Structures are given as C-alpha cells and as structure tokens.
Amino acid sequence: MRGSAGEGARYAILAYAAWGLFPLYWKLLHGVPALTVLLHRIFWCILFYTGLRYYRSGKGALRFDLSMKEWLGVFAAALFIGTNWLLYIWAVNAGHIVETSLGYFINPLINILLGIFFFKEKLLRYQKVAVFLALIGVSILTWEAGRIPWIAFSLAVTFSLYGFLRKRINVGSVEGGQLESLLIFLPVLASVLFLGKPLTPEKNLDWTFLIASGVVTGLPLIWFVEAAKRLPYYLLGFFQYLAPTLQFLTGVVIFHEPLSDLKFVGFAFIWTGIAWLLWKTLRRARQVQ
C-alpha cells in the first residue's frame, strides 16, 4: 500500500494495538472508581487536545466553526464514546476483560446492521452466514454465562454508533476529540458530585496514570479517525480485530480469567464468522479492482 492507504494502515495498526493493550493500563487504576477515572480521562484529554491545537495553529485553539448539524453530531458522538469509556473502565477492573473483547469482536456485525437500517443496504448471502455463525456463538456464550452478555453488546453498539457518526461528520480528528471531551466534561463532573465519588485519587502514583490518560486516550482516537478517512471501510474492519484479539489474550493469559470449553466454543463460532466475513469481503474487493 502506498500514499494515503499506507498511511491509513499505519494509523489503524497504532490505534487498534493501543486499544488492545488498554486493559493493562486501566488495571493500574483498579483502586479508583470508574467514574472518577472517566472524569480525569476527559479532563486531561481536553488539555491534550487543546495543547495540540494550539501547537498546530496558535490562536483559535478553543474556536469551533461548525454548523448546527455538526454540533449535534459531535454531541451525539461524545455521548456514545463517553458511555463506552465508562463501561470499559468498569468492566476491565471488575474482571470482565474477555467479555469486553467479545464486544469488539461483534462490533463489525453491528456495523452491518447499521448499514441495513440507515443506508437501506441489503444483507448479502455471505454476510448472512457470518451473522448466523456469530449469533450461534453469542447464544452459546449467553447459555454458558446464564445471562445476556450486556457488557459486550453495550460496548459494541456504543462504539459502532460513535464510529458511524465520526465517519459522517466533517470535523477534524483533533478538533472533534477536543469538542467531544468539552461537551461531556460537565455532565460527568455533575455525576461524580451527585453520586459522592471522589474527585481525586488517594495515591500519588494514581495521579501519574490519570494525568497520562489524556495522551493514552487522545492519541488512539486521533489515529482511528485519521485511519477512517484514508482507508476503505472493509479494510478498516480488517485491522479492527487486532484490538479484541489482544484484549482476549490479555484477559486469558495475563489476568487468568476463566475460559471454559463451552465459552471457547462460543468464541470459535464468532471467530469463524469473522474469518468468513473478512475473506469474502476482501475477495469481493479484489474482484471489483
């Protein structure tokens, strides 16, 4: 790949590899309430994005020249990504890393459904097969757990809707990330105060990780948006599986989360559906070229 596509591939690898290793980072803050971590994550993101905009253009680091449609789109995207962040932080520190990886494995299937409902796309035969295999896998995991994997579904839906909106809104990656953070900071601060959660951590070391969370959060989102602008949708989906694969391995190998035989079978159905979807998508893309 050359030019824009090559750049897009590099951005995609950086973004998804960073997200795949996120459990290792958020585990460092396991003693801090998830809502407090989210508040700091947003605050330090604001400073990171604002400083980056000022470095790039000097004046106007807090000016936004957007239409009403773009304002509404960014606000909706901010709500989805904020919900996604909070749930992910809580799930990782509550010992649900494997289920979070499931959410990002089924994320592309949610994207297919978004295409059907919002773009009136018809489900092709190979896509039906992939969805059917994934549904079998999710059904097995639901049976094994004795409950619907709501963490996985919530993460998949919120991130799919976020990516859907960010791809449609004509707002730069840094400017958009800054505005998203600004829009959800006050609601999250109000929630922290209302629920009586601590505003600051007790340990000095936690301060270090919280301050760094601005860069840790901001950079992958910039890389993701830049990749989405440069890569075809099918190719972006190919790189997407790097993150949940790393998350799954982190949960099982490093943190020793239980993986029963039945749960492995469920994941195997989902992986088969994904492999089928990727193979057929890439094959069709080559035929078009």
Protein backbone atom coordinates (compact mmCIF):
# COMPACT_ATOMS: atom_id res chain seq x y z
CA MET A 1 0.00 0.00 0.00
CA ARG A 2 1.27 3.46 -0.85
CA GLY A 3 0.35 7.05 -0.15
CA SER A 4 -2.87 7.65 1.71
CA ALA A 5 -3.75 3.95 2.07
CA GLY A 6 -0.31 3.15 3.50
CA GLU A 7 -0.65 6.00 5.99
CA GLY A 8 -4.12 4.83 6.88
CA ALA A 9 -2.86 1.31 7.56
CA ARG A 10 -0.16 2.63 9.90
CA TYR A 11 -2.71 4.77 11.77
CA ALA A 12 -5.06 1.78 12.04
CA ILE A 13 -2.37 -0.51 13.46
CA LEU A 14 -1.34 2.11 16.01
CA ALA A 15 -4.94 2.77 17.10
CA TYR A 16 -6.09 -0.82 17.43
CA ALA A 17 -2.88 -2.06 19.04
CA ALA A 18 -3.17 0.71 21.65
CA TRP A 19 -6.81 -0.19 22.35
CA GLY A 20 -5.89 -3.85 22.55
CA LEU A 21 -3.41 -3.10 25.33
CA PHE A 22 -5.79 -0.81 27.24
CA PRO A 23 -6.67 -3.44 29.88
CA LEU A 24 -3.08 -3.36 31.09
CA TYR A 25 -3.31 0.39 31.60
CA TRP A 26 -6.71 0.61 33.28
CA LYS A 27 -5.81 -2.23 35.64
CA LEU A 28 -3.18 0.12 37.08
CA LEU A 29 -6.10 2.25 38.34
CA HIS A 30 -8.16 -0.59 39.79
CA GLY A 31 -8.44 1.18 43.16
CA VAL A 32 -10.02 4.34 41.68
CA PRO A 33 -13.80 4.43 40.98
CA ALA A 34 -14.58 4.12 37.27
CA LEU A 35 -16.49 7.42 37.20
CA THR A 36 -13.53 9.25 38.78
CA VAL A 37 -11.19 7.71 36.20
CA LEU A 38 -13.58 8.80 33.43
CA LEU A 39 -13.69 12.37 34.78
CA HIS A 40 -9.90 12.64 34.80
CA ARG A 41 -9.65 10.90 31.43
CA ILE A 42 -11.91 13.56 29.91
CA PHE A 43 -10.23 16.49 31.69
CA TRP A 44 -6.70 15.52 30.65
CA CYS A 45 -8.00 14.80 27.14
CA ILE A 46 -9.25 18.38 26.95
CA LEU A 47 -5.81 19.71 27.91
CA PHE A 48 -4.09 17.32 25.49
CA TYR A 49 -6.28 18.22 22.52
CA THR A 50 -6.25 21.95 23.30
CA GLY A 51 -2.48 21.99 23.62
CA LEU A 52 -2.13 20.07 20.36
CA ARG A 53 -4.44 22.50 18.53
CA TYR A 54 -2.55 25.47 19.94
CA TYR A 55 0.78 23.93 18.90
CA ARG A 56 -0.50 23.36 15.38
CA SER A 57 -2.29 26.66 14.75
CA GLY A 58 -1.60 29.01 17.65
CA LYS A 59 -4.65 31.20 18.09
CA GLY A 60 -8.14 29.79 17.93
CA ALA A 61 -7.43 26.64 19.93
CA LEU A 62 -10.88 26.95 21.52
CA ARG A 63 -12.80 28.18 18.47
CA PHE A 64 -15.15 25.87 16.58
CA ASP A 65 -16.63 26.83 13.23
CA LEU A 66 -19.33 24.18 12.92
CA SER A 67 -22.84 24.04 11.53
CA MET A 68 -25.75 23.12 13.79
CA LYS A 69 -25.83 19.65 12.22
CA GLU A 70 -22.14 19.17 13.01
CA TRP A 71 -22.62 20.40 16.60
CA LEU A 72 -25.43 17.89 17.14
CA GLY A 73 -23.41 15.12 15.51
CA VAL A 74 -20.36 15.75 17.69
CA PHE A 75 -22.53 15.93 20.81
CA ALA A 76 -24.15 12.57 20.00
CA ALA A 77 -20.71 11.07 19.27
CA ALA A 78 -19.47 12.41 22.62
CA LEU A 79 -22.31 10.69 24.48
CA PHE A 80 -21.59 7.37 22.80
CA ILE A 81 -17.83 7.45 23.34
CA GLY A 82 -18.23 8.66 26.95
CA THR A 83 -20.59 5.78 27.73
CA ASN A 84 -18.21 3.38 26.02
CA TRP A 85 -15.23 4.64 28.06
CA LEU A 86 -17.05 4.40 31.40
CA LEU A 87 -18.34 0.89 30.78
CA TYR A 88 -14.96 -0.32 29.51
CA ILE A 89 -13.02 1.03 32.51
CA TRP A 90 -15.51 -0.53 34.92
CA ALA A 91 -15.59 -3.88 33.09
CA VAL A 92 -11.80 -4.24 32.95
CA ASN A 93 -11.38 -3.63 36.67
CA ALA A 94 -14.38 -5.83 37.50
CA GLY A 95 -12.70 -8.82 35.82
CA HIS A 96 -14.63 -8.86 32.52
CA ILE A 97 -11.78 -8.36 30.03
CA VAL A 98 -12.78 -11.40 27.95
CA GLU A 99 -16.35 -10.10 27.65
CA THR A 100 -15.08 -6.67 26.59
CA SER A 101 -13.13 -8.38 23.82
CA LEU A 102 -16.36 -10.12 22.74
CA GLY A 103 -17.93 -6.67 22.33
CA TYR A 104 -15.31 -5.60 19.83
CA PHE A 105 -15.45 -8.94 18.02
CA ILE A 106 -19.17 -8.45 17.33
CA ASN A 107 -18.71 -4.74 16.56
CA PRO A 108 -18.49 -5.27 12.75
CA LEU A 109 -21.74 -7.20 12.82
CA ILE A 110 -23.39 -4.18 14.42
CA ASN A 111 -21.89 -2.12 11.60
CA ILE A 112 -23.65 -4.40 9.10
CA LEU A 113 -26.96 -3.80 10.89
CA LEU A 114 -26.35 -0.05 10.82
CA GLY A 115 -25.88 -0.31 7.07
CA ILE A 116 -29.21 -2.12 6.74
CA PHE A 117 -31.21 0.28 8.88
CA PHE A 118 -29.60 3.62 7.98
CA PHE A 119 -28.40 3.09 4.41
CA LYS A 120 -31.06 0.56 3.34
CA GLU A 121 -28.32 -1.90 2.39
CA LYS A 122 -29.34 -5.46 1.72
CA LEU A 123 -27.64 -8.24 3.62
CA LEU A 124 -25.62 -10.32 1.17
CA ARG A 125 -25.56 -14.10 1.46
CA TYR A 126 -22.05 -14.30 2.90
CA GLN A 127 -22.93 -11.59 5.43
CA LYS A 128 -25.98 -13.61 6.49
CA VAL A 129 -23.72 -16.61 7.06
CA ALA A 130 -21.33 -14.51 9.20
CA VAL A 131 -24.19 -13.06 11.25
CA PHE A 132 -25.72 -16.52 11.72
CA LEU A 133 -22.42 -18.00 12.96
CA ALA A 134 -21.91 -15.06 15.30
CA LEU A 135 -25.45 -15.43 16.67
CA ILE A 136 -24.76 -19.10 17.41
CA GLY A 137 -21.58 -18.10 19.24
CA VAL A 138 -23.31 -15.38 21.26
CA SER A 139 -26.14 -17.81 22.11
CA ILE A 140 -23.61 -20.34 23.42
CA LEU A 141 -21.86 -17.67 25.50
CA THR A 142 -25.22 -16.50 26.85
CA TRP A 143 -26.16 -20.09 27.79
CA GLU A 144 -22.76 -20.66 29.41
CA ALA A 145 -22.91 -17.43 31.43
CA GLY A 146 -26.59 -17.77 32.31
CA ARG A 147 -27.19 -14.18 31.21
CA ILE A 148 -27.14 -11.95 28.15
CA PRO A 149 -23.59 -10.54 27.65
CA TRP A 150 -24.82 -6.96 28.09
CA ILE A 151 -21.32 -5.56 28.57
CA ALA A 152 -20.24 -6.87 25.17
CA PHE A 153 -23.40 -5.70 23.41
CA SER A 154 -23.25 -2.24 25.01
CA LEU A 155 -19.60 -1.75 24.07
CA ALA A 156 -20.25 -2.94 20.51
CA VAL A 157 -23.29 -0.70 19.98
CA THR A 158 -21.81 2.47 21.52
CA PHE A 159 -18.53 2.20 19.59
CA SER A 160 -20.29 1.33 16.32
CA LEU A 161 -22.52 4.38 16.64
CA TYR A 162 -19.52 6.53 17.55
CA GLY A 163 -17.56 5.37 14.50
CA PHE A 164 -20.65 5.79 12.32
CA LEU A 165 -21.09 9.42 13.39
CA ARG A 166 -17.38 10.35 13.25
CA LYS A 167 -17.10 8.99 9.73
CA ARG A 168 -20.09 11.10 8.61
CA ILE A 169 -19.22 14.35 10.42
CA ASN A 170 -16.75 16.59 8.61
CA VAL A 171 -14.79 17.57 11.72
CA GLY A 172 -11.04 17.09 12.17
CA SER A 173 -9.76 14.35 14.46
CA VAL A 174 -8.10 16.70 16.98
CA GLU A 175 -10.84 19.35 16.89
CA GLY A 176 -13.55 16.71 17.15
CA GLY A 177 -11.86 14.91 20.05
CA GLN A 178 -11.41 18.20 21.90
CA LEU A 179 -15.03 19.20 21.41
CA GLU A 180 -16.32 15.76 22.43
CA SER A 181 -14.34 15.99 25.66
CA LEU A 182 -15.56 19.51 26.39
CA LEU A 183 -19.19 18.58 25.81
CA ILE A 184 -19.25 15.64 28.25
CA PHE A 185 -16.95 17.04 30.96
CA LEU A 186 -19.62 18.96 32.92
CA PRO A 187 -22.23 16.15 32.84
CA VAL A 188 -19.62 13.67 34.11
CA LEU A 189 -18.43 16.12 36.79
CA ALA A 190 -22.05 16.60 37.91
CA SER A 191 -22.48 12.80 38.09
CA VAL A 192 -19.35 12.41 40.21
CA LEU A 193 -20.55 15.09 42.65
CA PHE A 194 -24.13 13.79 42.76
CA LEU A 195 -23.05 10.20 43.43
CA GLY A 196 -20.46 11.27 46.01
CA LYS A 197 -17.49 9.77 44.17
CA PRO A 198 -14.01 11.16 44.97
CA LEU A 199 -12.74 13.91 42.68
CA THR A 200 -9.11 12.93 43.18
CA PRO A 201 -7.28 9.65 43.90
CA GLU A 202 -5.66 8.90 47.23
CA LYS A 203 -2.35 7.57 45.91
CA ASN A 204 0.27 9.77 44.26
CA LEU A 205 1.04 7.05 41.70
CA ASP A 206 -2.60 7.08 40.58
CA TRP A 207 -2.20 10.77 39.78
CA THR A 208 0.56 9.91 37.32
CA PHE A 209 -1.59 7.37 35.46
CA LEU A 210 -4.64 9.65 35.46
CA ILE A 211 -2.70 12.59 34.01
CA ALA A 212 -1.17 10.35 31.36
CA SER A 213 -4.65 9.04 30.48
CA GLY A 214 -5.23 12.17 28.41
CA VAL A 215 -2.49 11.22 25.98
CA VAL A 216 -3.26 7.50 26.25
CA THR A 217 -6.88 8.23 25.29
CA GLY A 218 -6.36 11.05 22.84
CA LEU A 219 -3.70 9.60 20.55
CA PRO A 220 -5.53 6.36 19.60
CA LEU A 221 -8.71 8.31 18.81
CA ILE A 222 -6.73 10.64 16.54
CA TRP A 223 -5.12 7.65 14.84
CA PHE A 224 -8.54 5.98 14.44
CA VAL A 225 -10.17 9.00 12.81
CA GLU A 226 -7.18 9.52 10.51
CA ALA A 227 -7.30 5.84 9.51
CA ALA A 228 -11.06 6.02 8.85
CA LYS A 229 -10.51 8.96 6.50
CA ARG A 230 -7.83 7.16 4.46
CA LEU A 231 -8.98 3.53 4.32
CA PRO A 232 -11.95 1.82 2.66
CA TYR A 233 -14.48 0.63 5.22
CA TYR A 234 -13.81 -3.07 4.56
CA LEU A 235 -10.06 -2.62 5.10
CA LEU A 236 -10.56 -0.67 8.32
CA GLY A 237 -12.67 -3.59 9.55
CA PHE A 238 -9.78 -5.96 8.88
CA PHE A 239 -7.46 -4.06 11.24
CA GLN A 240 -10.21 -3.79 13.83
CA TYR A 241 -9.74 -7.37 15.04
CA LEU A 242 -6.27 -6.59 16.33
CA ALA A 243 -7.73 -4.86 19.41
CA PRO A 244 -10.14 -7.55 20.70
CA THR A 245 -7.58 -10.28 19.94
CA LEU A 246 -5.04 -8.54 22.19
CA GLN A 247 -7.74 -7.91 24.81
CA PHE A 248 -8.81 -11.56 24.76
CA LEU A 249 -5.21 -12.76 25.15
CA THR A 250 -4.62 -10.24 27.94
CA GLY A 251 -7.66 -11.45 29.87
CA VAL A 252 -6.88 -15.16 29.50
CA VAL A 253 -3.07 -15.27 29.55
CA ILE A 254 -2.10 -12.37 31.83
CA PHE A 255 -5.09 -11.99 34.18
CA HIS A 256 -6.16 -15.65 34.06
CA GLU A 257 -9.87 -15.01 33.53
CA PRO A 258 -11.75 -18.32 33.31
CA LEU A 259 -12.26 -19.77 29.84
CA SER A 260 -14.44 -22.86 29.92
CA ASP A 261 -14.65 -25.30 27.00
CA LEU A 262 -18.17 -24.08 26.20
CA LYS A 263 -17.08 -20.45 26.23
CA PHE A 264 -14.21 -21.31 23.88
CA VAL A 265 -16.69 -23.00 21.51
CA GLY A 266 -18.82 -19.84 21.55
CA PHE A 267 -15.86 -17.67 20.67
CA ALA A 268 -14.85 -20.19 17.98
CA PHE A 269 -18.19 -19.69 16.21
CA ILE A 270 -17.73 -15.91 16.35
CA TRP A 271 -14.13 -16.13 15.08
CA THR A 272 -15.30 -18.40 12.23
CA GLY A 273 -17.99 -15.90 11.27
CA ILE A 274 -15.46 -13.07 11.33
CA ALA A 275 -12.92 -15.04 9.27
CA TRP A 276 -15.63 -15.87 6.72
CA LEU A 277 -16.76 -12.23 6.58
CA LEU A 278 -13.21 -10.91 6.11
CA TRP A 279 -12.29 -13.49 3.47
CA LYS A 280 -15.41 -12.87 1.38
CA THR A 281 -15.16 -9.09 1.76
CA LEU A 282 -11.50 -8.97 0.70
CA ARG A 283 -12.21 -11.37 -2.19
CA ARG A 284 -15.08 -9.18 -3.46
CA ALA A 285 -12.91 -6.07 -3.13
CA ARG A 286 -10.17 -7.63 -5.27
CA GLN A 287 -12.72 -8.64 -7.90
CA VAL A 288 -14.01 -5.05 -8.09
CA GLN A 289 -10.46 -3.73 -8.56
